[in-house]
Amino acid sequence: MDARTVTDHGDLEMALGNARQYRDDMVLWLALQVMMTDDVALADDALQERLIVLQDRIENMMRNRLGLPDRDAGYPAGEGGRE
């Protein structure tokens, strides 16, 4: 599959609807993602870890609002969740 292939339009519509509904959270999550690519941030392991923790919190808040399990729920350490 490439970037132009859509396998399920219903999933895409749901994702776009959630992005619109939770725009403020999406903006914060994306801002953290951009910060994590900064050369200064990349050189600071502690800062990288804190940014990841913040990003995970935002994602889990959104999942909670949508009635989904936490992203790391049910994964043993090293098998699916962020360490």
N, C-alpha and C. Protein backbone atom coordinates (compact mmCIF):
# COMPACT_ATOMS: atom_id res chain seq x y z
N MET A 1 0.85 -1.17 0.00
CA MET A 1 0.00 0.00 0.00
C MET A 1 0.90 1.23 0.00
N ASP A 2 0.54 2.24 -0.78
CA ASP A 2 1.29 3.49 -0.76
C ASP A 2 0.43 4.59 -0.16
N ALA A 3 0.97 5.80 -0.08
CA ALA A 3 0.29 6.92 0.58
C ALA A 3 -1.02 7.30 -0.10
N ARG A 4 -1.22 6.90 -1.34
CA ARG A 4 -2.44 7.27 -2.06
C ARG A 4 -3.53 6.23 -1.96
N THR A 5 -3.24 5.08 -1.37
CA THR A 5 -4.21 4.00 -1.30
C THR A 5 -5.05 4.11 -0.02
N VAL A 6 -6.34 4.11 -0.18
CA VAL A 6 -7.26 4.10 0.97
C VAL A 6 -7.96 2.76 0.96
N THR A 7 -7.81 2.01 2.06
CA THR A 7 -8.39 0.68 2.08
C THR A 7 -9.82 0.68 2.59
N ASP A 8 -10.17 1.62 3.45
CA ASP A 8 -11.52 1.65 4.01
C ASP A 8 -11.92 3.11 4.23
N HIS A 9 -12.81 3.60 3.39
CA HIS A 9 -13.22 5.00 3.49
C HIS A 9 -13.92 5.30 4.81
N GLY A 10 -14.60 4.32 5.41
CA GLY A 10 -15.25 4.52 6.70
C GLY A 10 -14.24 4.84 7.80
N ASP A 11 -13.11 4.11 7.80
CA ASP A 11 -12.05 4.37 8.79
C ASP A 11 -11.45 5.75 8.58
N LEU A 12 -11.26 6.13 7.33
CA LEU A 12 -10.71 7.45 7.02
C LEU A 12 -11.65 8.54 7.48
N GLU A 13 -12.94 8.38 7.21
CA GLU A 13 -13.92 9.38 7.64
C GLU A 13 -13.95 9.50 9.16
N MET A 14 -13.88 8.35 9.86
CA MET A 14 -13.87 8.37 11.31
C MET A 14 -12.63 9.10 11.83
N ALA A 15 -11.47 8.80 11.25
CA ALA A 15 -10.23 9.44 11.67
C ALA A 15 -10.29 10.95 11.44
N LEU A 16 -10.79 11.36 10.29
CA LEU A 16 -10.90 12.79 10.00
C LEU A 16 -11.90 13.47 10.93
N GLY A 17 -12.99 12.80 11.22
CA GLY A 17 -13.98 13.35 12.15
C GLY A 17 -13.40 13.52 13.54
N ASN A 18 -12.64 12.52 14.00
CA ASN A 18 -11.99 12.62 15.31
C ASN A 18 -10.95 13.74 15.32
N ALA A 19 -10.22 13.89 14.24
CA ALA A 19 -9.22 14.96 14.15
C ALA A 19 -9.89 16.33 14.24
N ARG A 20 -11.05 16.48 13.60
CA ARG A 20 -11.78 17.74 13.69
C ARG A 20 -12.33 17.97 15.09
N GLN A 21 -12.91 16.92 15.67
CA GLN A 21 -13.53 17.05 16.97
C GLN A 21 -12.51 17.32 18.07
N TYR A 22 -11.34 16.75 17.96
CA TYR A 22 -10.30 16.89 18.98
C TYR A 22 -9.10 17.66 18.45
N ARG A 23 -9.39 18.68 17.67
CA ARG A 23 -8.35 19.47 17.00
C ARG A 23 -7.31 20.01 17.99
N ASP A 24 -7.73 20.54 19.12
CA ASP A 24 -6.78 21.11 20.09
C ASP A 24 -5.79 20.06 20.58
N ASP A 25 -6.28 18.86 20.87
CA ASP A 25 -5.39 17.79 21.30
C ASP A 25 -4.46 17.37 20.18
N MET A 26 -4.98 17.32 18.97
CA MET A 26 -4.15 16.94 17.81
C MET A 26 -3.03 17.94 17.59
N VAL A 27 -3.34 19.22 17.76
CA VAL A 27 -2.33 20.28 17.58
C VAL A 27 -1.22 20.11 18.61
N LEU A 28 -1.59 19.86 19.86
CA LEU A 28 -0.58 19.65 20.90
C LEU A 28 0.27 18.42 20.61
N TRP A 29 -0.37 17.32 20.21
CA TRP A 29 0.35 16.09 19.91
C TRP A 29 1.34 16.32 18.76
N LEU A 30 0.88 17.01 17.72
CA LEU A 30 1.74 17.27 16.57
C LEU A 30 2.89 18.22 16.93
N ALA A 31 2.61 19.22 17.77
CA ALA A 31 3.67 20.14 18.21
C ALA A 31 4.76 19.38 18.95
N LEU A 32 4.37 18.43 19.80
CA LEU A 32 5.36 17.61 20.49
C LEU A 32 6.16 16.78 19.50
N GLN A 33 5.49 16.25 18.48
CA GLN A 33 6.18 15.46 17.46
C GLN A 33 7.23 16.30 16.74
N VAL A 34 6.88 17.52 16.41
CA VAL A 34 7.82 18.43 15.74
C VAL A 34 8.99 18.75 16.66
N MET A 35 8.70 19.02 17.93
CA MET A 35 9.76 19.32 18.89
C MET A 35 10.74 18.16 19.01
N MET A 36 10.24 16.93 18.92
CA MET A 36 11.09 15.76 19.06
C MET A 36 12.06 15.60 17.89
N THR A 37 11.83 16.31 16.80
CA THR A 37 12.75 16.22 15.66
C THR A 37 13.79 17.33 15.66
N ASP A 38 13.71 18.25 16.62
CA ASP A 38 14.67 19.33 16.74
C ASP A 38 16.02 18.79 17.16
N ASP A 39 17.10 19.29 16.57
CA ASP A 39 18.44 18.79 16.87
C ASP A 39 18.79 18.93 18.35
N VAL A 40 18.40 20.05 18.97
CA VAL A 40 18.69 20.24 20.39
C VAL A 40 17.92 19.22 21.23
N ALA A 41 16.65 19.03 20.91
CA ALA A 41 15.84 18.06 21.64
C ALA A 41 16.37 16.64 21.44
N LEU A 42 16.83 16.34 20.23
CA LEU A 42 17.36 15.01 19.95
C LEU A 42 18.61 14.72 20.78
N ALA A 43 19.35 15.76 21.12
CA ALA A 43 20.59 15.58 21.89
C ALA A 43 20.32 15.42 23.39
N ASP A 44 19.10 15.68 23.82
CA ASP A 44 18.76 15.64 25.25
C ASP A 44 17.83 14.46 25.52
N ASP A 45 18.41 13.37 26.02
CA ASP A 45 17.62 12.15 26.25
C ASP A 45 16.48 12.37 27.24
N ALA A 46 16.73 13.13 28.29
CA ALA A 46 15.69 13.38 29.30
C ALA A 46 14.54 14.17 28.68
N LEU A 47 14.85 15.15 27.87
CA LEU A 47 13.81 15.94 27.20
C LEU A 47 13.01 15.06 26.25
N GLN A 48 13.68 14.22 25.49
CA GLN A 48 12.99 13.32 24.57
C GLN A 48 12.00 12.43 25.34
N GLU A 49 12.45 11.90 26.47
CA GLU A 49 11.59 11.03 27.27
C GLU A 49 10.36 11.79 27.77
N ARG A 50 10.54 13.00 28.24
CA ARG A 50 9.41 13.80 28.73
C ARG A 50 8.44 14.13 27.60
N LEU A 51 8.96 14.44 26.42
CA LEU A 51 8.08 14.73 25.28
C LEU A 51 7.26 13.50 24.90
N ILE A 52 7.89 12.34 24.94
CA ILE A 52 7.18 11.09 24.64
C ILE A 52 6.09 10.84 25.68
N VAL A 53 6.40 11.07 26.96
CA VAL A 53 5.41 10.88 28.02
C VAL A 53 4.22 11.82 27.80
N LEU A 54 4.49 13.07 27.49
CA LEU A 54 3.41 14.02 27.24
C LEU A 54 2.56 13.59 26.04
N GLN A 55 3.22 13.15 24.99
CA GLN A 55 2.50 12.70 23.80
C GLN A 55 1.62 11.49 24.12
N ASP A 56 2.15 10.57 24.90
CA ASP A 56 1.36 9.40 25.31
C ASP A 56 0.15 9.80 26.14
N ARG A 57 0.33 10.77 27.03
CA ARG A 57 -0.80 11.25 27.85
C ARG A 57 -1.90 11.84 26.98
N ILE A 58 -1.51 12.64 26.01
CA ILE A 58 -2.50 13.24 25.10
C ILE A 58 -3.24 12.13 24.35
N GLU A 59 -2.49 11.16 23.83
CA GLU A 59 -3.12 10.07 23.10
C GLU A 59 -4.08 9.29 23.99
N ASN A 60 -3.67 9.00 25.21
CA ASN A 60 -4.53 8.24 26.11
C ASN A 60 -5.76 9.04 26.52
N MET A 61 -5.64 10.36 26.67
CA MET A 61 -6.82 11.19 26.95
C MET A 61 -7.82 11.10 25.80
N MET A 62 -7.31 11.15 24.58
CA MET A 62 -8.18 11.05 23.41
C MET A 62 -8.82 9.67 23.33
N ARG A 63 -8.03 8.63 23.60
CA ARG A 63 -8.56 7.26 23.58
C ARG A 63 -9.66 7.11 24.62
N ASN A 64 -9.46 7.69 25.81
CA ASN A 64 -10.45 7.62 26.87
C ASN A 64 -11.76 8.29 26.43
N ARG A 65 -11.66 9.45 25.81
CA ARG A 65 -12.85 10.15 25.33
C ARG A 65 -13.62 9.33 24.30
N LEU A 66 -12.88 8.53 23.52
CA LEU A 66 -13.51 7.73 22.47
C LEU A 66 -13.90 6.34 22.96
N GLY A 67 -13.62 6.04 24.22
CA GLY A 67 -13.96 4.73 24.78
C GLY A 67 -13.02 3.63 24.33
N LEU A 68 -11.80 3.98 23.96
CA LEU A 68 -10.81 3.00 23.54
C LEU A 68 -9.84 2.71 24.68
N PRO A 69 -9.21 1.53 24.71
CA PRO A 69 -8.24 1.25 25.77
C PRO A 69 -6.99 2.09 25.59
N ASP A 70 -6.24 2.29 26.69
CA ASP A 70 -4.95 2.97 26.60
C ASP A 70 -4.09 2.27 25.56
N ARG A 71 -3.23 3.04 24.90
CA ARG A 71 -2.42 2.48 23.81
C ARG A 71 -1.51 1.36 24.28
N ASP A 72 -1.09 1.37 25.54
CA ASP A 72 -0.18 0.35 26.05
C ASP A 72 -0.89 -0.74 26.82
N ALA A 73 -2.19 -0.67 26.92
CA ALA A 73 -2.94 -1.66 27.70
C ALA A 73 -2.79 -3.05 27.09
N GLY A 74 -2.43 -3.99 27.94
CA GLY A 74 -2.36 -5.37 27.50
C GLY A 74 -1.05 -5.78 26.85
N TYR A 75 -0.08 -4.87 26.73
CA TYR A 75 1.19 -5.23 26.13
C TYR A 75 2.22 -5.49 27.22
N PRO A 76 2.85 -6.66 27.23
CA PRO A 76 3.97 -6.87 28.13
C PRO A 76 5.12 -5.92 27.78
N ALA A 77 5.95 -5.59 28.71
CA ALA A 77 7.08 -4.67 28.45
C ALA A 77 7.87 -5.13 27.23
N GLY A 78 8.13 -4.19 26.34
CA GLY A 78 8.91 -4.48 25.14
C GLY A 78 8.12 -5.09 24.00
N GLU A 79 6.81 -5.24 24.14
CA GLU A 79 6.03 -5.88 23.08
C GLU A 79 4.85 -5.02 22.62
N GLY A 80 5.12 -3.80 22.24
CA GLY A 80 4.04 -3.02 21.67
C GLY A 80 3.90 -1.65 22.27
N GLY A 81 4.22 -1.48 23.52
CA GLY A 81 4.13 -0.16 24.14
C GLY A 81 5.46 0.54 24.08
N ARG A 82 5.44 1.81 24.38
CA ARG A 82 6.69 2.57 24.49
C ARG A 82 7.31 2.31 25.84
N GLU A 83 8.59 2.14 25.86
CA GLU A 83 9.29 1.95 27.15
C GLU A 83 9.86 3.26 27.60
